[in-house]
Amino acid sequence: MTKPDANSPDPGTNPDDAAWLDLVSRLEHGDTEPPKTTGNDGNGPTRPFSDFDPLGLSGTAPTEPSANERRLAAEAAGHNGEADMPEPHGPRDYDVEDEDHGFVPEDPPSLAGVDPLTMLAWVGAIGGPVALLLAAMFWRSAPLLAILGIVAVFVVSVIYLIMKLPTDKDEYDDGARV
């Protein structure tokens, strides 16, 4: 069986195959200029890819008029001189007026007035998992009694903190506290 020549496409194939064979032959031979052929419908020449612009972006972009052009346009519109022209406004022309003069938050309440049992429960609730993590990383041979003691302190601390939550429910309260 003979291999067909790449330069002579089979007339029974579709136009995509012919275009592909043409592209391959141009790339093999180093031809950079596309051949002048008719379009897919056979009515006219095909447009090169550089002419393909479905969004119409190939034209020149609109430019802002210069200061001299704006002055001439303002004089033509009836403004006489710089005093009648409005000030240009842009994002850098805006000055922020700081009215609060530096917010300084209140000092947090002292921990000296906290119930000691509540403070101890918070230390157990936060310190228990941290102690277990540190024991797992650095004290691999920790006795089982120490591990169970840390877990017990954590559980008791969390139960105490849950029991201290307010139990009275006001039906008009939405839960927000200030």
N, C-alpha and C. Protein backbone atom coordinates (compact mmCIF):
# COMPACT_ATOMS: atom_id res chain seq x y z
N MET A 1 0.85 -1.17 0.00
CA MET A 1 0.00 0.00 0.00
C MET A 1 0.90 1.23 0.00
N THR A 2 0.55 2.22 -0.77
CA THR A 2 1.38 3.41 -0.89
C THR A 2 0.86 4.49 0.04
N LYS A 3 1.77 5.28 0.53
CA LYS A 3 1.43 6.39 1.43
C LYS A 3 1.09 7.61 0.58
N PRO A 4 -0.07 8.29 0.86
CA PRO A 4 -0.42 9.46 0.04
C PRO A 4 0.54 10.61 0.33
N ASP A 5 0.72 11.44 -0.70
CA ASP A 5 1.60 12.60 -0.58
C ASP A 5 0.96 13.63 0.34
N ALA A 6 1.74 14.27 1.22
CA ALA A 6 1.21 15.25 2.17
C ALA A 6 0.77 16.53 1.46
N ASN A 7 1.32 16.81 0.26
CA ASN A 7 0.98 18.04 -0.45
C ASN A 7 -0.27 17.91 -1.29
N SER A 8 -0.73 16.72 -1.52
CA SER A 8 -1.94 16.55 -2.34
C SER A 8 -3.01 15.87 -1.50
N PRO A 9 -3.89 16.66 -0.88
CA PRO A 9 -4.93 16.07 -0.04
C PRO A 9 -5.95 15.32 -0.89
N ASP A 10 -6.52 14.31 -0.30
CA ASP A 10 -7.53 13.51 -0.96
C ASP A 10 -8.79 14.35 -1.16
N PRO A 11 -9.36 14.40 -2.36
CA PRO A 11 -10.54 15.25 -2.57
C PRO A 11 -11.77 14.76 -1.82
N GLY A 12 -11.76 13.54 -1.35
CA GLY A 12 -12.93 13.01 -0.63
C GLY A 12 -12.92 13.33 0.86
N THR A 13 -11.88 14.01 1.37
CA THR A 13 -11.81 14.30 2.80
C THR A 13 -12.49 15.64 3.10
N ASN A 14 -12.72 15.89 4.38
CA ASN A 14 -13.36 17.14 4.77
C ASN A 14 -12.34 18.29 4.78
N PRO A 15 -12.80 19.55 4.84
CA PRO A 15 -11.88 20.70 4.78
C PRO A 15 -10.92 20.76 5.96
N ASP A 16 -11.31 20.20 7.10
CA ASP A 16 -10.41 20.24 8.25
C ASP A 16 -9.16 19.40 7.99
N ASP A 17 -9.34 18.24 7.35
CA ASP A 17 -8.18 17.42 7.03
C ASP A 17 -7.27 18.13 6.04
N ALA A 18 -7.86 18.80 5.06
CA ALA A 18 -7.06 19.52 4.08
C ALA A 18 -6.29 20.65 4.74
N ALA A 19 -6.93 21.36 5.66
CA ALA A 19 -6.25 22.45 6.36
C ALA A 19 -5.13 21.91 7.22
N TRP A 20 -5.36 20.77 7.85
CA TRP A 20 -4.33 20.17 8.70
C TRP A 20 -3.14 19.72 7.86
N LEU A 21 -3.40 19.07 6.76
CA LEU A 21 -2.31 18.64 5.89
C LEU A 21 -1.53 19.83 5.35
N ASP A 22 -2.23 20.92 5.02
CA ASP A 22 -1.56 22.12 4.53
C ASP A 22 -0.66 22.71 5.62
N LEU A 23 -1.15 22.73 6.85
CA LEU A 23 -0.37 23.26 7.96
C LEU A 23 0.87 22.41 8.19
N VAL A 24 0.71 21.10 8.16
CA VAL A 24 1.85 20.21 8.38
C VAL A 24 2.88 20.39 7.27
N SER A 25 2.43 20.50 6.04
CA SER A 25 3.39 20.66 4.94
C SER A 25 4.11 22.00 5.02
N ARG A 26 3.44 23.07 5.41
CA ARG A 26 4.10 24.37 5.55
C ARG A 26 5.12 24.35 6.68
N LEU A 27 4.80 23.64 7.78
CA LEU A 27 5.74 23.58 8.89
C LEU A 27 6.96 22.72 8.55
N GLU A 28 6.75 21.67 7.76
CA GLU A 28 7.88 20.83 7.38
C GLU A 28 8.83 21.55 6.43
N HIS A 29 8.30 22.35 5.54
CA HIS A 29 9.13 23.01 4.54
C HIS A 29 9.56 24.40 4.97
N GLY A 30 9.08 24.92 6.06
CA GLY A 30 9.50 26.23 6.56
C GLY A 30 8.78 27.38 5.88
N ASP A 31 7.69 27.15 5.20
CA ASP A 31 6.93 28.25 4.58
C ASP A 31 6.21 29.01 5.67
N THR A 32 6.40 30.32 5.71
CA THR A 32 5.73 31.13 6.72
C THR A 32 4.52 31.84 6.16
N GLU A 33 4.43 31.99 4.86
CA GLU A 33 3.31 32.70 4.26
C GLU A 33 2.21 31.71 3.90
N PRO A 34 0.97 31.94 4.39
CA PRO A 34 -0.10 31.00 4.05
C PRO A 34 -0.48 31.16 2.59
N PRO A 35 -0.89 30.06 1.96
CA PRO A 35 -1.27 30.14 0.55
C PRO A 35 -2.59 30.88 0.40
N LYS A 36 -2.76 31.51 -0.77
CA LYS A 36 -4.00 32.21 -1.07
C LYS A 36 -5.02 31.18 -1.54
N THR A 37 -5.95 30.85 -0.69
CA THR A 37 -6.98 29.87 -1.04
C THR A 37 -8.33 30.50 -0.86
N THR A 38 -9.33 29.80 -1.29
CA THR A 38 -10.69 30.28 -1.11
C THR A 38 -11.19 29.85 0.25
N GLY A 39 -12.24 30.51 0.72
CA GLY A 39 -12.79 30.22 2.03
C GLY A 39 -13.44 28.86 2.08
N ASN A 40 -13.95 28.52 3.25
CA ASN A 40 -14.58 27.22 3.43
C ASN A 40 -15.80 27.06 2.55
N ASP A 41 -16.46 28.17 2.26
CA ASP A 41 -17.64 28.08 1.41
C ASP A 41 -17.29 28.19 -0.06
N GLY A 42 -16.03 28.50 -0.40
CA GLY A 42 -15.59 28.57 -1.78
C GLY A 42 -15.91 29.89 -2.45
N ASN A 43 -16.41 30.88 -1.75
CA ASN A 43 -16.82 32.13 -2.37
C ASN A 43 -15.76 33.22 -2.35
N GLY A 44 -14.77 33.13 -1.53
CA GLY A 44 -13.80 34.21 -1.46
C GLY A 44 -12.56 33.77 -0.73
N PRO A 45 -11.58 34.67 -0.64
CA PRO A 45 -10.33 34.30 0.04
C PRO A 45 -10.55 34.20 1.55
N THR A 46 -9.81 33.33 2.17
CA THR A 46 -9.90 33.20 3.62
C THR A 46 -9.14 34.34 4.27
N ARG A 47 -9.58 34.71 5.44
CA ARG A 47 -8.90 35.76 6.18
C ARG A 47 -7.84 35.13 7.06
N PRO A 48 -6.68 35.74 7.16
CA PRO A 48 -5.68 35.17 8.07
C PRO A 48 -6.15 35.31 9.52
N PHE A 49 -5.49 34.57 10.39
CA PHE A 49 -5.90 34.56 11.78
C PHE A 49 -5.75 35.93 12.43
N SER A 50 -4.81 36.74 11.97
CA SER A 50 -4.62 38.06 12.58
C SER A 50 -5.82 38.97 12.32
N ASP A 51 -6.64 38.67 11.30
CA ASP A 51 -7.84 39.47 11.05
C ASP A 51 -9.02 39.03 11.90
N PHE A 52 -8.88 37.93 12.61
CA PHE A 52 -9.97 37.42 13.43
C PHE A 52 -10.08 38.26 14.69
N ASP A 53 -11.16 39.01 14.83
CA ASP A 53 -11.37 39.89 15.98
C ASP A 53 -12.86 39.95 16.29
N PRO A 54 -13.41 38.93 16.97
CA PRO A 54 -14.86 38.92 17.19
C PRO A 54 -15.34 39.99 18.15
N LEU A 55 -14.48 40.51 19.04
CA LEU A 55 -14.90 41.52 20.00
C LEU A 55 -14.63 42.93 19.53
N GLY A 56 -13.99 43.09 18.39
CA GLY A 56 -13.72 44.42 17.87
C GLY A 56 -12.65 45.15 18.65
N LEU A 57 -11.67 44.42 19.15
CA LEU A 57 -10.63 45.03 19.98
C LEU A 57 -9.41 45.48 19.19
N SER A 58 -9.37 45.22 17.88
CA SER A 58 -8.18 45.55 17.13
C SER A 58 -8.08 47.04 16.82
N GLY A 59 -9.14 47.80 16.98
CA GLY A 59 -9.09 49.24 16.74
C GLY A 59 -8.30 49.93 17.82
N THR A 60 -8.15 51.22 17.67
CA THR A 60 -7.40 51.97 18.67
C THR A 60 -8.28 52.21 19.89
N ALA A 61 -7.65 52.22 21.02
CA ALA A 61 -8.36 52.43 22.27
C ALA A 61 -8.68 53.91 22.43
N PRO A 62 -9.81 54.25 23.06
CA PRO A 62 -10.11 55.66 23.28
C PRO A 62 -9.11 56.26 24.26
N THR A 63 -8.73 57.48 24.00
CA THR A 63 -7.77 58.15 24.86
C THR A 63 -8.43 59.34 25.52
N GLU A 64 -7.90 59.71 26.67
CA GLU A 64 -8.40 60.87 27.39
C GLU A 64 -7.81 62.12 26.77
N PRO A 65 -8.61 63.17 26.58
CA PRO A 65 -8.06 64.39 25.98
C PRO A 65 -7.02 65.02 26.89
N SER A 66 -6.07 65.68 26.29
CA SER A 66 -5.02 66.33 27.07
C SER A 66 -5.59 67.57 27.77
N ALA A 67 -4.79 68.17 28.63
CA ALA A 67 -5.23 69.35 29.37
C ALA A 67 -5.51 70.51 28.42
N ASN A 68 -4.70 70.64 27.39
CA ASN A 68 -4.89 71.71 26.42
C ASN A 68 -6.20 71.49 25.66
N GLU A 69 -6.48 70.24 25.26
CA GLU A 69 -7.73 69.95 24.55
C GLU A 69 -8.94 70.19 25.45
N ARG A 70 -8.82 69.86 26.75
CA ARG A 70 -9.94 70.11 27.67
C ARG A 70 -10.17 71.60 27.84
N ARG A 71 -9.06 72.40 27.90
CA ARG A 71 -9.19 73.84 28.04
C ARG A 71 -9.86 74.44 26.82
N LEU A 72 -9.45 73.98 25.64
CA LEU A 72 -10.07 74.48 24.41
C LEU A 72 -11.54 74.11 24.34
N ALA A 73 -11.88 72.90 24.78
CA ALA A 73 -13.28 72.48 24.78
C ALA A 73 -14.09 73.29 25.78
N ALA A 74 -13.48 73.63 26.93
CA ALA A 74 -14.19 74.43 27.93
C ALA A 74 -14.41 75.85 27.42
N GLU A 75 -13.42 76.41 26.71
CA GLU A 75 -13.59 77.76 26.15
C GLU A 75 -14.65 77.76 25.06
N ALA A 76 -14.72 76.70 24.27
CA ALA A 76 -15.73 76.61 23.23
C ALA A 76 -17.13 76.44 23.83
N ALA A 77 -17.20 75.85 25.03
CA ALA A 77 -18.50 75.65 25.67
C ALA A 77 -18.96 76.89 26.41
N GLY A 78 -18.11 77.90 26.54
CA GLY A 78 -18.55 79.14 27.17
C GLY A 78 -17.86 79.45 28.47
N HIS A 79 -16.99 78.59 28.96
CA HIS A 79 -16.24 78.88 30.19
C HIS A 79 -15.12 79.84 29.81
N ASN A 80 -14.92 80.88 30.61
CA ASN A 80 -13.86 81.83 30.30
C ASN A 80 -12.81 81.81 31.40
N GLY A 81 -11.78 81.04 31.19
CA GLY A 81 -10.66 81.05 32.13
C GLY A 81 -10.67 79.85 33.04
N GLU A 82 -9.66 79.83 33.90
CA GLU A 82 -9.46 78.72 34.82
C GLU A 82 -10.41 78.76 36.01
N ALA A 83 -10.97 79.93 36.36
CA ALA A 83 -11.79 80.04 37.55
C ALA A 83 -13.13 79.31 37.38
N ASP A 84 -13.64 79.27 36.16
CA ASP A 84 -14.93 78.62 35.95
C ASP A 84 -14.81 77.12 35.77
N MET A 85 -13.63 76.62 35.51
CA MET A 85 -13.47 75.18 35.25
C MET A 85 -13.56 74.42 36.57
N PRO A 86 -14.27 73.30 36.57
CA PRO A 86 -14.35 72.52 37.80
C PRO A 86 -13.02 71.84 38.09
N GLU A 87 -12.80 71.57 39.36
CA GLU A 87 -11.58 70.89 39.78
C GLU A 87 -11.65 69.44 39.31
N PRO A 88 -10.54 68.89 38.84
CA PRO A 88 -10.55 67.47 38.46
C PRO A 88 -10.67 66.60 39.70
N HIS A 89 -11.48 65.56 39.60
CA HIS A 89 -11.68 64.66 40.73
C HIS A 89 -11.22 63.28 40.33
N GLY A 90 -10.39 62.69 41.14
CA GLY A 90 -9.88 61.36 40.90
C GLY A 90 -9.72 60.64 42.22
N PRO A 91 -9.25 59.42 42.18
CA PRO A 91 -9.13 58.66 43.43
C PRO A 91 -8.09 59.23 44.38
N ARG A 92 -7.10 59.94 43.88
CA ARG A 92 -6.08 60.49 44.77
C ARG A 92 -6.42 61.89 45.24
N ASP A 93 -7.51 62.47 44.74
CA ASP A 93 -7.91 63.81 45.15
C ASP A 93 -8.78 63.79 46.40
N TYR A 94 -9.12 62.62 46.91
CA TYR A 94 -10.03 62.50 48.04
C TYR A 94 -9.22 62.48 49.33
N ASP A 95 -9.56 63.36 50.26
CA ASP A 95 -8.90 63.40 51.57
C ASP A 95 -9.81 62.77 52.60
N VAL A 96 -9.29 61.83 53.35
CA VAL A 96 -10.05 61.16 54.40
C VAL A 96 -9.97 62.00 55.66
N GLU A 97 -11.13 62.29 56.22
CA GLU A 97 -11.15 63.05 57.47
C GLU A 97 -11.33 62.07 58.62
N ASP A 98 -10.33 62.00 59.47
CA ASP A 98 -10.36 61.08 60.60
C ASP A 98 -11.04 61.78 61.77
N GLU A 99 -12.25 61.32 62.10
CA GLU A 99 -13.03 61.99 63.14
C GLU A 99 -12.85 61.37 64.52
N ASP A 100 -12.44 60.10 64.60
CA ASP A 100 -12.39 59.47 65.90
C ASP A 100 -11.06 59.73 66.62
N HIS A 101 -10.06 60.32 65.95
CA HIS A 101 -8.80 60.73 66.54
C HIS A 101 -8.12 59.59 67.28
N GLY A 102 -8.09 58.44 66.71
CA GLY A 102 -7.37 57.31 67.30
C GLY A 102 -8.18 56.59 68.36
N PHE A 103 -8.73 55.47 68.02
CA PHE A 103 -9.52 54.68 68.97
C PHE A 103 -8.59 53.99 69.95
N VAL A 104 -8.89 54.14 71.24
CA VAL A 104 -8.14 53.47 72.29
C VAL A 104 -9.11 52.59 73.06
N PRO A 105 -8.96 51.27 72.99
CA PRO A 105 -9.90 50.39 73.69
C PRO A 105 -9.70 50.45 75.20
N GLU A 106 -10.73 50.05 75.92
CA GLU A 106 -10.64 50.02 77.38
C GLU A 106 -9.69 48.92 77.82
N ASP A 107 -9.11 49.09 78.99
CA ASP A 107 -8.26 48.04 79.53
C ASP A 107 -9.12 46.85 79.92
N PRO A 108 -8.64 45.64 79.66
CA PRO A 108 -9.43 44.47 80.05
C PRO A 108 -9.49 44.37 81.57
N PRO A 109 -10.53 43.72 82.07
CA PRO A 109 -10.64 43.61 83.53
C PRO A 109 -9.50 42.75 84.09
N SER A 110 -9.14 43.03 85.32
CA SER A 110 -8.04 42.32 85.97
C SER A 110 -8.46 40.88 86.29
N LEU A 111 -7.51 39.97 86.18
CA LEU A 111 -7.79 38.58 86.52
C LEU A 111 -7.76 38.34 88.03
N ALA A 112 -7.39 39.36 88.79
CA ALA A 112 -7.34 39.20 90.24
C ALA A 112 -8.74 39.07 90.83
N GLY A 113 -9.76 39.61 90.16
CA GLY A 113 -11.11 39.55 90.69
C GLY A 113 -11.90 38.33 90.23
N VAL A 114 -11.28 37.43 89.51
CA VAL A 114 -11.98 36.24 89.00
C VAL A 114 -12.05 35.19 90.09
N ASP A 115 -13.14 34.44 90.07
CA ASP A 115 -13.32 33.33 91.01
C ASP A 115 -12.17 32.33 90.81
N PRO A 116 -11.46 31.96 91.88
CA PRO A 116 -10.30 31.08 91.72
C PRO A 116 -10.65 29.70 91.15
N LEU A 117 -11.82 29.20 91.49
CA LEU A 117 -12.22 27.90 90.97
C LEU A 117 -12.48 27.95 89.46
N THR A 118 -13.05 29.07 88.99
CA THR A 118 -13.27 29.24 87.55
C THR A 118 -11.94 29.36 86.82
N MET A 119 -11.00 30.10 87.40
CA MET A 119 -9.69 30.23 86.79
C MET A 119 -8.99 28.87 86.74
N LEU A 120 -9.09 28.08 87.79
CA LEU A 120 -8.49 26.76 87.81
C LEU A 120 -9.14 25.84 86.77
N ALA A 121 -10.46 25.98 86.56
CA ALA A 121 -11.15 25.18 85.56
C ALA A 121 -10.68 25.56 84.15
N TRP A 122 -10.47 26.83 83.92
CA TRP A 122 -9.96 27.26 82.60
C TRP A 122 -8.54 26.74 82.37
N VAL A 123 -7.72 26.76 83.38
CA VAL A 123 -6.36 26.23 83.26
C VAL A 123 -6.41 24.74 82.95
N GLY A 124 -7.32 24.00 83.60
CA GLY A 124 -7.45 22.56 83.34
C GLY A 124 -8.01 22.27 81.96
N ALA A 125 -8.97 23.09 81.50
CA ALA A 125 -9.58 22.85 80.20
C ALA A 125 -8.62 23.15 79.06
N ILE A 126 -7.76 24.15 79.24
CA ILE A 126 -6.80 24.48 78.19
C ILE A 126 -5.50 23.71 78.40
N GLY A 127 -5.08 23.58 79.63
CA GLY A 127 -3.81 22.93 79.92
C GLY A 127 -3.83 21.43 79.76
N GLY A 128 -5.00 20.79 79.90
CA GLY A 128 -5.09 19.33 79.77
C GLY A 128 -4.67 18.85 78.39
N PRO A 129 -5.28 19.34 77.31
CA PRO A 129 -4.84 18.89 75.98
C PRO A 129 -3.40 19.28 75.67
N VAL A 130 -2.97 20.46 76.14
CA VAL A 130 -1.59 20.87 75.91
C VAL A 130 -0.64 19.92 76.63
N ALA A 131 -0.97 19.54 77.86
CA ALA A 131 -0.12 18.61 78.62
C ALA A 131 -0.09 17.24 77.95
N LEU A 132 -1.22 16.77 77.44
CA LEU A 132 -1.23 15.49 76.73
C LEU A 132 -0.37 15.55 75.47
N LEU A 133 -0.42 16.65 74.75
CA LEU A 133 0.40 16.80 73.55
C LEU A 133 1.88 16.82 73.90
N LEU A 134 2.24 17.57 74.93
CA LEU A 134 3.64 17.62 75.33
C LEU A 134 4.11 16.27 75.85
N ALA A 135 3.27 15.54 76.58
CA ALA A 135 3.63 14.22 77.07
C ALA A 135 3.82 13.25 75.91
N ALA A 136 2.99 13.36 74.90
CA ALA A 136 3.13 12.47 73.75
C ALA A 136 4.41 12.76 72.96
N MET A 137 4.84 14.03 72.95
CA MET A 137 6.03 14.37 72.18
C MET A 137 7.32 14.14 72.97
N PHE A 138 7.34 14.51 74.26
CA PHE A 138 8.60 14.52 74.99
C PHE A 138 8.70 13.47 76.10
N TRP A 139 7.59 13.00 76.61
CA TRP A 139 7.61 12.05 77.74
C TRP A 139 6.91 10.78 77.30
N ARG A 140 7.56 10.02 76.41
CA ARG A 140 6.96 8.85 75.78
C ARG A 140 6.69 7.74 76.81
N SER A 141 7.46 7.69 77.86
CA SER A 141 7.28 6.62 78.86
C SER A 141 6.45 7.11 80.05
N ALA A 142 5.50 8.02 79.80
CA ALA A 142 4.67 8.54 80.88
C ALA A 142 3.80 7.41 81.43
N PRO A 143 3.67 7.34 82.76
CA PRO A 143 2.84 6.28 83.33
C PRO A 143 1.37 6.49 82.98
N LEU A 144 0.66 5.39 82.93
CA LEU A 144 -0.75 5.44 82.57
C LEU A 144 -1.53 6.28 83.57
N LEU A 145 -1.15 6.25 84.83
CA LEU A 145 -1.86 7.02 85.85
C LEU A 145 -1.74 8.53 85.59
N ALA A 146 -0.60 9.00 85.10
CA ALA A 146 -0.42 10.43 84.80
C ALA A 146 -1.30 10.83 83.62
N ILE A 147 -1.35 9.99 82.60
CA ILE A 147 -2.19 10.28 81.44
C ILE A 147 -3.66 10.30 81.84
N LEU A 148 -4.09 9.32 82.61
CA LEU A 148 -5.49 9.28 83.05
C LEU A 148 -5.81 10.47 83.96
N GLY A 149 -4.84 10.90 84.77
CA GLY A 149 -5.05 12.07 85.63
C GLY A 149 -5.23 13.34 84.80
N ILE A 150 -4.44 13.51 83.74
CA ILE A 150 -4.57 14.68 82.87
C ILE A 150 -5.93 14.67 82.18
N VAL A 151 -6.35 13.51 81.70
CA VAL A 151 -7.66 13.40 81.04
C VAL A 151 -8.78 13.69 82.04
N ALA A 152 -8.65 13.21 83.27
CA ALA A 152 -9.68 13.45 84.29
C ALA A 152 -9.75 14.94 84.63
N VAL A 153 -8.62 15.61 84.77
CA VAL A 153 -8.61 17.05 85.06
C VAL A 153 -9.30 17.81 83.92
N PHE A 154 -9.02 17.42 82.69
CA PHE A 154 -9.66 18.07 81.54
C PHE A 154 -11.17 17.88 81.57
N VAL A 155 -11.62 16.66 81.79
CA VAL A 155 -13.06 16.38 81.77
C VAL A 155 -13.77 17.11 82.91
N VAL A 156 -13.21 17.09 84.10
CA VAL A 156 -13.83 17.77 85.25
C VAL A 156 -13.86 19.28 85.00
N SER A 157 -12.81 19.84 84.44
CA SER A 157 -12.76 21.28 84.18
C SER A 157 -13.82 21.68 83.17
N VAL A 158 -13.97 20.92 82.11
CA VAL A 158 -14.97 21.25 81.10
C VAL A 158 -16.38 21.11 81.68
N ILE A 159 -16.63 20.08 82.46
CA ILE A 159 -17.96 19.91 83.08
C ILE A 159 -18.24 21.08 84.02
N TYR A 160 -17.26 21.51 84.82
CA TYR A 160 -17.47 22.65 85.72
C TYR A 160 -17.80 23.92 84.93
N LEU A 161 -17.08 24.18 83.84
CA LEU A 161 -17.33 25.39 83.06
C LEU A 161 -18.71 25.32 82.39
N ILE A 162 -19.15 24.16 81.96
CA ILE A 162 -20.48 24.03 81.38
C ILE A 162 -21.55 24.25 82.44
N MET A 163 -21.32 23.75 83.64
CA MET A 163 -22.31 23.93 84.71
C MET A 163 -22.40 25.38 85.16
N LYS A 164 -21.34 26.19 84.97
CA LYS A 164 -21.38 27.60 85.37
C LYS A 164 -22.07 28.49 84.34
N LEU A 165 -22.43 27.94 83.18
CA LEU A 165 -23.13 28.74 82.19
C LEU A 165 -24.47 29.19 82.75
N PRO A 166 -24.94 30.37 82.35
CA PRO A 166 -26.22 30.86 82.88
C PRO A 166 -27.37 29.94 82.44
N THR A 167 -28.27 29.68 83.38
CA THR A 167 -29.40 28.78 83.09
C THR A 167 -30.69 29.54 82.85
N ASP A 168 -30.76 30.80 83.31
CA ASP A 168 -32.00 31.55 83.10
C ASP A 168 -32.08 32.01 81.65
N LYS A 169 -33.22 31.78 81.06
CA LYS A 169 -33.41 32.12 79.65
C LYS A 169 -34.49 33.18 79.57
N ASP A 170 -34.11 34.34 79.07
CA ASP A 170 -35.05 35.42 78.85
C ASP A 170 -35.58 35.26 77.43
N GLU A 171 -36.89 35.20 77.27
CA GLU A 171 -37.45 34.97 75.93
C GLU A 171 -37.24 36.15 74.99
N TYR A 172 -36.94 37.33 75.54
CA TYR A 172 -36.71 38.51 74.70
C TYR A 172 -35.23 38.75 74.44
N ASP A 173 -34.39 37.88 74.98
CA ASP A 173 -32.94 38.02 74.82
C ASP A 173 -32.50 37.28 73.57
N ASP A 174 -31.76 37.96 72.70
CA ASP A 174 -31.27 37.30 71.49
C ASP A 174 -29.88 36.71 71.66
N GLY A 175 -29.30 36.81 72.84
CA GLY A 175 -28.01 36.20 73.11
C GLY A 175 -26.84 37.15 72.99
N ALA A 176 -27.04 38.32 72.42
CA ALA A 176 -25.94 39.26 72.25
C ALA A 176 -25.71 40.01 73.56
N ARG A 177 -24.47 40.08 73.96
CA ARG A 177 -24.12 40.80 75.20
C ARG A 177 -23.09 41.87 74.84
N VAL A 178 -23.26 43.04 75.42
CA VAL A 178 -22.32 44.12 75.17
C VAL A 178 -21.57 44.44 76.44
